[in-house]
Amino acid sequence: MTEEKDVQATVLEGELLTPTPPIGLHNVKAVRREMASVYRDMRTGRIDVNEGTKLVYALDRIREAFKTEELDAKLQLIESTLKLRNTK
């Protein structure tokens, strides 16, 4: 006997939950926009403040990872430029 899984919706404690649409978090601007969206949802009561706080924290960690990656790329560029100057 196999269980059918509905990939379109999930039932949790008797309540039908609609799936969350995919969110493009492909750069810092997109992450910032999503943080603002979560903030607005908290302000309007669409989502619980505690849940929103957790989401914003996770988004902030993603934002920080983007910043770290960008700084690392800039540092590598500086280091390679200095190496080229020192070999001349």
PDB file of N, CA and C in Angstrom:
ATOM      1  N   MET A   1       0.847  -1.188   0.000  1.00  0.00           N
ATOM      2  CA  MET A   1       0.000   0.000   0.000  1.00  0.00           C
ATOM      3  C   MET A   1       0.888   1.246   0.000  1.00  0.00           C
ATOM      4  N   THR A   2       0.706   2.131  -0.966  1.00  0.00           N
ATOM      5  CA  THR A   2       1.517   3.342  -1.053  1.00  0.00           C
ATOM      6  C   THR A   2       0.697   4.538  -0.627  1.00  0.00           C
ATOM      7  N   GLU A   3       1.384   5.480  -0.029  1.00  0.00           N
ATOM      8  CA  GLU A   3       0.731   6.721   0.383  1.00  0.00           C
ATOM      9  C   GLU A   3       0.932   7.762  -0.698  1.00  0.00           C
ATOM     10  N   GLU A   4      -0.129   8.445  -1.056  1.00  0.00           N
ATOM     11  CA  GLU A   4      -0.014   9.519  -2.031  1.00  0.00           C
ATOM     12  C   GLU A   4       0.376  10.801  -1.317  1.00  0.00           C
ATOM     13  N   LYS A   5       1.317  11.512  -1.914  1.00  0.00           N
ATOM     14  CA  LYS A   5       1.742  12.789  -1.353  1.00  0.00           C
ATOM     15  C   LYS A   5       1.311  13.904  -2.285  1.00  0.00           C
ATOM     16  N   ASP A   6       0.664  14.883  -1.735  1.00  0.00           N
ATOM     17  CA  ASP A   6       0.240  16.039  -2.502  1.00  0.00           C
ATOM     18  C   ASP A   6       1.373  17.058  -2.466  1.00  0.00           C
ATOM     19  N   VAL A   7       2.005  17.282  -3.595  1.00  0.00           N
ATOM     20  CA  VAL A   7       3.113  18.229  -3.642  1.00  0.00           C
ATOM     21  C   VAL A   7       2.625  19.673  -3.719  1.00  0.00           C
ATOM     22  N   GLN A   8       1.339  19.859  -3.962  1.00  0.00           N
ATOM     23  CA  GLN A   8       0.798  21.204  -4.080  1.00  0.00           C
ATOM     24  C   GLN A   8       0.426  21.813  -2.734  1.00  0.00           C
ATOM     25  N   ALA A   9       0.113  20.985  -1.761  1.00  0.00           N
ATOM     26  CA  ALA A   9      -0.298  21.509  -0.456  1.00  0.00           C
ATOM     27  C   ALA A   9       0.039  20.493   0.620  1.00  0.00           C
ATOM     28  N   THR A  10       0.117  20.967   1.836  1.00  0.00           N
ATOM     29  CA  THR A  10       0.434  20.129   2.979  1.00  0.00           C
ATOM     30  C   THR A  10      -0.638  20.325   4.032  1.00  0.00           C
ATOM     31  N   VAL A  11      -0.977  19.247   4.733  1.00  0.00           N
ATOM     32  CA  VAL A  11      -1.934  19.348   5.828  1.00  0.00           C
ATOM     33  C   VAL A  11      -1.155  19.245   7.129  1.00  0.00           C
ATOM     34  N   LEU A  12      -1.310  20.226   7.976  1.00  0.00           N
ATOM     35  CA  LEU A  12      -0.644  20.257   9.262  1.00  0.00           C
ATOM     36  C   LEU A  12      -1.693  20.509  10.330  1.00  0.00           C
ATOM     37  N   GLU A  13      -1.832  19.546  11.222  1.00  0.00           N
ATOM     38  CA  GLU A  13      -2.800  19.642  12.316  1.00  0.00           C
ATOM     39  C   GLU A  13      -4.190  20.013  11.799  1.00  0.00           C
ATOM     40  N   GLY A  14      -4.608  19.365  10.715  1.00  0.00           N
ATOM     41  CA  GLY A  14      -5.940  19.575  10.173  1.00  0.00           C
ATOM     42  C   GLY A  14      -6.111  20.830   9.346  1.00  0.00           C
ATOM     43  N   GLU A  15      -5.059  21.638   9.200  1.00  0.00           N
ATOM     44  CA  GLU A  15      -5.160  22.877   8.434  1.00  0.00           C
ATOM     45  C   GLU A  15      -4.400  22.712   7.127  1.00  0.00           C
ATOM     46  N   LEU A  16      -5.042  23.044   6.027  1.00  0.00           N
ATOM     47  CA  LEU A  16      -4.423  22.966   4.711  1.00  0.00           C
ATOM     48  C   LEU A  16      -3.507  24.167   4.517  1.00  0.00           C
ATOM     49  N   LEU A  17      -2.253  23.893   4.252  1.00  0.00           N
ATOM     50  CA  LEU A  17      -1.286  24.960   4.037  1.00  0.00           C
ATOM     51  C   LEU A  17      -0.928  25.028   2.561  1.00  0.00           C
ATOM     52  N   THR A  18      -0.947  26.214   2.002  1.00  0.00           N
ATOM     53  CA  THR A  18      -0.528  26.362   0.612  1.00  0.00           C
ATOM     54  C   THR A  18       0.986  26.472   0.576  1.00  0.00           C
ATOM     55  N   PRO A  19       1.610  25.964  -0.474  1.00  0.00           N
ATOM     56  CA  PRO A  19       3.071  26.006  -0.527  1.00  0.00           C
ATOM     57  C   PRO A  19       3.579  27.431  -0.669  1.00  0.00           C
ATOM     58  N   THR A  20       4.760  27.661  -0.152  1.00  0.00           N
ATOM     59  CA  THR A  20       5.393  28.963  -0.274  1.00  0.00           C
ATOM     60  C   THR A  20       5.988  29.073  -1.669  1.00  0.00           C
ATOM     61  N   PRO A  21       5.705  30.151  -2.372  1.00  0.00           N
ATOM     62  CA  PRO A  21       6.298  30.286  -3.708  1.00  0.00           C
ATOM     63  C   PRO A  21       7.807  30.450  -3.602  1.00  0.00           C
ATOM     64  N   PRO A  22       8.536  30.003  -4.618  1.00  0.00           N
ATOM     65  CA  PRO A  22       9.998  30.164  -4.561  1.00  0.00           C
ATOM     66  C   PRO A  22      10.372  31.641  -4.511  1.00  0.00           C
ATOM     67  N   ILE A  23      11.378  31.943  -3.730  1.00  0.00           N
ATOM     68  CA  ILE A  23      11.834  33.321  -3.559  1.00  0.00           C
ATOM     69  C   ILE A  23      13.234  33.411  -4.141  1.00  0.00           C
ATOM     70  N   GLY A  24      13.433  34.324  -5.065  1.00  0.00           N
ATOM     71  CA  GLY A  24      14.749  34.493  -5.668  1.00  0.00           C
ATOM     72  C   GLY A  24      15.657  35.300  -4.752  1.00  0.00           C
ATOM     73  N   LEU A  25      16.522  34.624  -4.058  1.00  0.00           N
ATOM     74  CA  LEU A  25      17.470  35.296  -3.167  1.00  0.00           C
ATOM     75  C   LEU A  25      18.848  35.261  -3.816  1.00  0.00           C
ATOM     76  N   HIS A  26      18.934  35.790  -5.023  1.00  0.00           N
ATOM     77  CA  HIS A  26      20.136  35.665  -5.827  1.00  0.00           C
ATOM     78  C   HIS A  26      21.164  36.774  -5.615  1.00  0.00           C
ATOM     79  N   ASN A  27      20.803  37.810  -4.894  1.00  0.00           N
ATOM     80  CA  ASN A  27      21.755  38.874  -4.580  1.00  0.00           C
ATOM     81  C   ASN A  27      21.282  39.636  -3.342  1.00  0.00           C
ATOM     82  N   VAL A  28      22.107  40.572  -2.898  1.00  0.00           N
ATOM     83  CA  VAL A  28      21.810  41.315  -1.668  1.00  0.00           C
ATOM     84  C   VAL A  28      20.523  42.131  -1.803  1.00  0.00           C
ATOM     85  N   LYS A  29      20.285  42.707  -2.988  1.00  0.00           N
ATOM     86  CA  LYS A  29      19.057  43.495  -3.178  1.00  0.00           C
ATOM     87  C   LYS A  29      17.819  42.630  -3.006  1.00  0.00           C
ATOM     88  N   ALA A  30      17.859  41.432  -3.561  1.00  0.00           N
ATOM     89  CA  ALA A  30      16.713  40.522  -3.451  1.00  0.00           C
ATOM     90  C   ALA A  30      16.481  40.115  -2.001  1.00  0.00           C
ATOM     91  N   VAL A  31      17.559  39.894  -1.270  1.00  0.00           N
ATOM     92  CA  VAL A  31      17.439  39.531   0.150  1.00  0.00           C
ATOM     93  C   VAL A  31      16.856  40.700   0.930  1.00  0.00           C
ATOM     94  N   ARG A  32      17.324  41.901   0.635  1.00  0.00           N
ATOM     95  CA  ARG A  32      16.798  43.090   1.321  1.00  0.00           C
ATOM     96  C   ARG A  32      15.308  43.266   1.048  1.00  0.00           C
ATOM     97  N   ARG A  33      14.901  43.047  -0.210  1.00  0.00           N
ATOM     98  CA  ARG A  33      13.479  43.164  -0.543  1.00  0.00           C
ATOM     99  C   ARG A  33      12.653  42.128   0.223  1.00  0.00           C
ATOM    100  N   GLU A  34      13.183  40.917   0.343  1.00  0.00           N
ATOM    101  CA  GLU A  34      12.451  39.882   1.076  1.00  0.00           C
ATOM    102  C   GLU A  34      12.368  40.227   2.559  1.00  0.00           C
ATOM    103  N   MET A  35      13.435  40.801   3.118  1.00  0.00           N
ATOM    104  CA  MET A  35      13.404  41.226   4.518  1.00  0.00           C
ATOM    105  C   MET A  35      12.328  42.283   4.721  1.00  0.00           C
ATOM    106  N   ALA A  36      12.245  43.224   3.783  1.00  0.00           N
ATOM    107  CA  ALA A  36      11.225  44.274   3.867  1.00  0.00           C
ATOM    108  C   ALA A  36       9.827  43.676   3.762  1.00  0.00           C
ATOM    109  N   SER A  37       9.668  42.678   2.907  1.00  0.00           N
ATOM    110  CA  SER A  37       8.374  42.019   2.750  1.00  0.00           C
ATOM    111  C   SER A  37       7.954  41.323   4.048  1.00  0.00           C
ATOM    112  N   VAL A  38       8.896  40.630   4.677  1.00  0.00           N
ATOM    113  CA  VAL A  38       8.601  39.954   5.946  1.00  0.00           C
ATOM    114  C   VAL A  38       8.251  40.992   7.008  1.00  0.00           C
ATOM    115  N   TYR A  39       8.976  42.101   7.034  1.00  0.00           N
ATOM    116  CA  TYR A  39       8.687  43.172   7.990  1.00  0.00           C
ATOM    117  C   TYR A  39       7.262  43.690   7.810  1.00  0.00           C
ATOM    118  N   ARG A  40       6.892  43.948   6.542  1.00  0.00           N
ATOM    119  CA  ARG A  40       5.530  44.429   6.278  1.00  0.00           C
ATOM    120  C   ARG A  40       4.493  43.395   6.715  1.00  0.00           C
ATOM    121  N   ASP A  41       4.788  42.120   6.473  1.00  0.00           N
ATOM    122  CA  ASP A  41       3.861  41.064   6.896  1.00  0.00           C
ATOM    123  C   ASP A  41       3.721  41.025   8.418  1.00  0.00           C
ATOM    124  N   MET A  42       4.801  41.286   9.134  1.00  0.00           N
ATOM    125  CA  MET A  42       4.715  41.338  10.597  1.00  0.00           C
ATOM    126  C   MET A  42       3.893  42.545  11.036  1.00  0.00           C
ATOM    127  N   ARG A  43       4.140  43.689  10.401  1.00  0.00           N
ATOM    128  CA  ARG A  43       3.422  44.914  10.774  1.00  0.00           C
ATOM    129  C   ARG A  43       1.926  44.796  10.546  1.00  0.00           C
ATOM    130  N   THR A  44       1.535  44.103   9.486  1.00  0.00           N
ATOM    131  CA  THR A  44       0.117  43.976   9.163  1.00  0.00           C
ATOM    132  C   THR A  44      -0.535  42.773   9.833  1.00  0.00           C
ATOM    133  N   GLY A  45       0.261  41.973  10.538  1.00  0.00           N
ATOM    134  CA  GLY A  45      -0.288  40.819  11.241  1.00  0.00           C
ATOM    135  C   GLY A  45      -0.480  39.584  10.362  1.00  0.00           C
ATOM    136  N   ARG A  46       0.032  39.615   9.129  1.00  0.00           N
ATOM    137  CA  ARG A  46      -0.088  38.446   8.254  1.00  0.00           C
ATOM    138  C   ARG A  46       0.725  37.269   8.768  1.00  0.00           C
ATOM    139  N   ILE A  47       1.859  37.572   9.413  1.00  0.00           N
ATOM    140  CA  ILE A  47       2.645  36.513  10.047  1.00  0.00           C
ATOM    141  C   ILE A  47       2.977  36.926  11.469  1.00  0.00           C
ATOM    142  N   ASP A  48       3.159  35.939  12.307  1.00  0.00           N
ATOM    143  CA  ASP A  48       3.487  36.158  13.709  1.00  0.00           C
ATOM    144  C   ASP A  48       4.853  36.834  13.825  1.00  0.00           C
ATOM    145  N   VAL A  49       4.986  37.749  14.754  1.00  0.00           N
ATOM    146  CA  VAL A  49       6.239  38.480  14.938  1.00  0.00           C
ATOM    147  C   VAL A  49       7.391  37.527  15.262  1.00  0.00           C
ATOM    148  N   ASN A  50       7.139  36.503  16.079  1.00  0.00           N
ATOM    149  CA  ASN A  50       8.204  35.558  16.404  1.00  0.00           C
ATOM    150  C   ASN A  50       8.675  34.801  15.167  1.00  0.00           C
ATOM    151  N   GLU A  51       7.746  34.377  14.331  1.00  0.00           N
ATOM    152  CA  GLU A  51       8.106  33.683  13.091  1.00  0.00           C
ATOM    153  C   GLU A  51       8.830  34.636  12.141  1.00  0.00           C
ATOM    154  N   GLY A  52       8.328  35.860  12.030  1.00  0.00           N
ATOM    155  CA  GLY A  52       8.966  36.854  11.171  1.00  0.00           C
ATOM    156  C   GLY A  52      10.383  37.172  11.612  1.00  0.00           C
ATOM    157  N   THR A  53      10.580  37.249  12.919  1.00  0.00           N
ATOM    158  CA  THR A  53      11.916  37.518  13.455  1.00  0.00           C
ATOM    159  C   THR A  53      12.887  36.420  13.042  1.00  0.00           C
ATOM    160  N   LYS A  54      12.442  35.183  13.111  1.00  0.00           N
ATOM    161  CA  LYS A  54      13.288  34.054  12.697  1.00  0.00           C
ATOM    162  C   LYS A  54      13.613  34.137  11.211  1.00  0.00           C
ATOM    163  N   LEU A  55      12.610  34.479  10.411  1.00  0.00           N
ATOM    164  CA  LEU A  55      12.835  34.591   8.974  1.00  0.00           C
ATOM    165  C   LEU A  55      13.817  35.718   8.647  1.00  0.00           C
ATOM    166  N   VAL A  56      13.643  36.855   9.295  1.00  0.00           N
ATOM    167  CA  VAL A  56      14.542  37.980   9.050  1.00  0.00           C
ATOM    168  C   VAL A  56      15.962  37.627   9.498  1.00  0.00           C
ATOM    169  N   TYR A  57      16.097  36.904  10.591  1.00  0.00           N
ATOM    170  CA  TYR A  57      17.427  36.480  11.037  1.00  0.00           C
ATOM    171  C   TYR A  57      18.083  35.596   9.977  1.00  0.00           C
ATOM    172  N   ALA A  58      17.334  34.618   9.450  1.00  0.00           N
ATOM    173  CA  ALA A  58      17.881  33.741   8.416  1.00  0.00           C
ATOM    174  C   ALA A  58      18.251  34.547   7.172  1.00  0.00           C
ATOM    175  N   LEU A  59      17.399  35.489   6.794  1.00  0.00           N
ATOM    176  CA  LEU A  59      17.698  36.336   5.641  1.00  0.00           C
ATOM    177  C   LEU A  59      18.938  37.192   5.888  1.00  0.00           C
ATOM    178  N   ASP A  60      19.103  37.663   7.103  1.00  0.00           N
ATOM    179  CA  ASP A  60      20.284  38.457   7.436  1.00  0.00           C
ATOM    180  C   ASP A  60      21.556  37.623   7.315  1.00  0.00           C
ATOM    181  N   ARG A  61      21.492  36.364   7.694  1.00  0.00           N
ATOM    182  CA  ARG A  61      22.653  35.479   7.558  1.00  0.00           C
ATOM    183  C   ARG A  61      22.991  35.275   6.080  1.00  0.00           C
ATOM    184  N   ILE A  62      21.968  35.157   5.233  1.00  0.00           N
ATOM    185  CA  ILE A  62      22.197  35.024   3.798  1.00  0.00           C
ATOM    186  C   ILE A  62      22.832  36.307   3.256  1.00  0.00           C
ATOM    187  N   ARG A  63      22.316  37.438   3.704  1.00  0.00           N
ATOM    188  CA  ARG A  63      22.875  38.731   3.283  1.00  0.00           C
ATOM    189  C   ARG A  63      24.341  38.839   3.682  1.00  0.00           C
ATOM    190  N   GLU A  64      24.636  38.426   4.888  1.00  0.00           N
ATOM    191  CA  GLU A  64      26.013  38.477   5.383  1.00  0.00           C
ATOM    192  C   GLU A  64      26.923  37.560   4.565  1.00  0.00           C
ATOM    193  N   ALA A  65      26.403  36.412   4.145  1.00  0.00           N
ATOM    194  CA  ALA A  65      27.189  35.497   3.309  1.00  0.00           C
ATOM    195  C   ALA A  65      27.508  36.143   1.960  1.00  0.00           C
ATOM    196  N   PHE A  66      26.544  36.856   1.380  1.00  0.00           N
ATOM    197  CA  PHE A  66      26.804  37.571   0.132  1.00  0.00           C
ATOM    198  C   PHE A  66      27.898  38.612   0.331  1.00  0.00           C
ATOM    199  N   LYS A  67      27.813  39.364   1.424  1.00  0.00           N
ATOM    200  CA  LYS A  67      28.818  40.390   1.697  1.00  0.00           C
ATOM    201  C   LYS A  67      30.196  39.769   1.873  1.00  0.00           C
ATOM    202  N   THR A  68      30.275  38.659   2.587  1.00  0.00           N
ATOM    203  CA  THR A  68      31.552  37.982   2.812  1.00  0.00           C
ATOM    204  C   THR A  68      32.143  37.506   1.492  1.00  0.00           C
ATOM    205  N   GLU A  69      31.294  36.935   0.642  1.00  0.00           N
ATOM    206  CA  GLU A  69      31.760  36.466  -0.661  1.00  0.00           C
ATOM    207  C   GLU A  69      32.285  37.625  -1.502  1.00  0.00           C
ATOM    208  N   GLU A  70      31.575  38.749  -1.475  1.00  0.00           N
ATOM    209  CA  GLU A  70      31.993  39.921  -2.234  1.00  0.00           C
ATOM    210  C   GLU A  70      33.321  40.465  -1.716  1.00  0.00           C
ATOM    211  N   LEU A  71      33.461  40.551  -0.405  1.00  0.00           N
ATOM    212  CA  LEU A  71      34.716  41.031   0.176  1.00  0.00           C
ATOM    213  C   LEU A  71      35.873  40.095  -0.143  1.00  0.00           C
ATOM    214  N   ASP A  72      35.614  38.796  -0.120  1.00  0.00           N
ATOM    215  CA  ASP A  72      36.641  37.816  -0.448  1.00  0.00           C
ATOM    216  C   ASP A  72      37.105  37.987  -1.896  1.00  0.00           C
ATOM    217  N   ALA A  73      36.175  38.195  -2.812  1.00  0.00           N
ATOM    218  CA  ALA A  73      36.532  38.398  -4.217  1.00  0.00           C
ATOM    219  C   ALA A  73      37.370  39.664  -4.386  1.00  0.00           C
ATOM    220  N   LYS A  74      36.996  40.727  -3.691  1.00  0.00           N
ATOM    221  CA  LYS A  74      37.752  41.972  -3.777  1.00  0.00           C
ATOM    222  C   LYS A  74      39.155  41.798  -3.198  1.00  0.00           C
ATOM    223  N   LEU A  75      39.259  41.087  -2.087  1.00  0.00           N
ATOM    224  CA  LEU A  75      40.557  40.843  -1.472  1.00  0.00           C
ATOM    225  C   LEU A  75      41.450  40.031  -2.402  1.00  0.00           C
ATOM    226  N   GLN A  76      40.897  39.013  -3.046  1.00  0.00           N
ATOM    227  CA  GLN A  76      41.681  38.213  -3.989  1.00  0.00           C
ATOM    228  C   GLN A  76      42.170  39.061  -5.156  1.00  0.00           C
ATOM    229  N   LEU A  77      41.341  39.958  -5.637  1.00  0.00           N
ATOM    230  CA  LEU A  77      41.738  40.850  -6.723  1.00  0.00           C
ATOM    231  C   LEU A  77      42.874  41.765  -6.288  1.00  0.00           C
ATOM    232  N   ILE A  78      42.766  42.309  -5.096  1.00  0.00           N
ATOM    233  CA  ILE A  78      43.822  43.184  -4.570  1.00  0.00           C
ATOM    234  C   ILE A  78      45.124  42.408  -4.428  1.00  0.00           C
ATOM    235  N   GLU A  79      45.041  41.201  -3.857  1.00  0.00           N
ATOM    236  CA  GLU A  79      46.247  40.394  -3.657  1.00  0.00           C
ATOM    237  C   GLU A  79      46.904  40.027  -4.979  1.00  0.00           C
ATOM    238  N   SER A  80      46.111  39.657  -5.974  1.00  0.00           N
ATOM    239  CA  SER A  80      46.706  39.295  -7.261  1.00  0.00           C
ATOM    240  C   SER A  80      47.296  40.522  -7.951  1.00  0.00           C
ATOM    241  N   THR A  81      46.670  41.688  -7.781  1.00  0.00           N
ATOM    242  CA  THR A  81      47.210  42.918  -8.348  1.00  0.00           C
ATOM    243  C   THR A  81      48.544  43.262  -7.696  1.00  0.00           C
ATOM    244  N   LEU A  82      48.628  43.111  -6.394  1.00  0.00           N
ATOM    245  CA  LEU A  82      49.885  43.397  -5.689  1.00  0.00           C
ATOM    246  C   LEU A  82      50.986  42.426  -6.104  1.00  0.00           C
ATOM    247  N   LYS A  83      50.652  41.170  -6.297  1.00  0.00           N
ATOM    248  CA  LYS A  83      51.646  40.189  -6.735  1.00  0.00           C
ATOM    249  C   LYS A  83      52.187  40.553  -8.115  1.00  0.00           C
ATOM    250  N   LEU A  84      51.292  40.974  -9.011  1.00  0.00           N
ATOM    251  CA  LEU A  84      51.742  41.390 -10.341  1.00  0.00           C
ATOM    252  C   LEU A  84      52.652  42.596 -10.274  1.00  0.00           C
ATOM    253  N   ARG A  85      52.350  43.542  -9.427  1.00  0.00           N
ATOM    254  CA  ARG A  85      53.186  44.745  -9.286  1.00  0.00           C
ATOM    255  C   ARG A  85      54.549  44.400  -8.702  1.00  0.00           C
ATOM    256  N   ASN A  86      54.578  43.452  -7.782  1.00  0.00           N
ATOM    257  CA  ASN A  86      55.839  43.067  -7.131  1.00  0.00           C
ATOM    258  C   ASN A  86      56.738  42.244  -8.041  1.00  0.00           C
ATOM    259  N   THR A  87      56.198  41.615  -9.049  1.00  0.00           N
ATOM    260  CA  THR A  87      57.017  40.811  -9.952  1.00  0.00           C
ATOM    261  C   THR A  87      57.620  41.626 -11.084  1.00  0.00           C
ATOM    262  N   LYS A  88      57.213  42.851 -11.234  1.00  0.00           N
ATOM    263  CA  LYS A  88      57.759  43.714 -12.315  1.00  0.00           C
ATOM    264  C   LYS A  88      59.055  44.336 -11.919  1.00  0.00           C
TER     265      LYS A  88
END
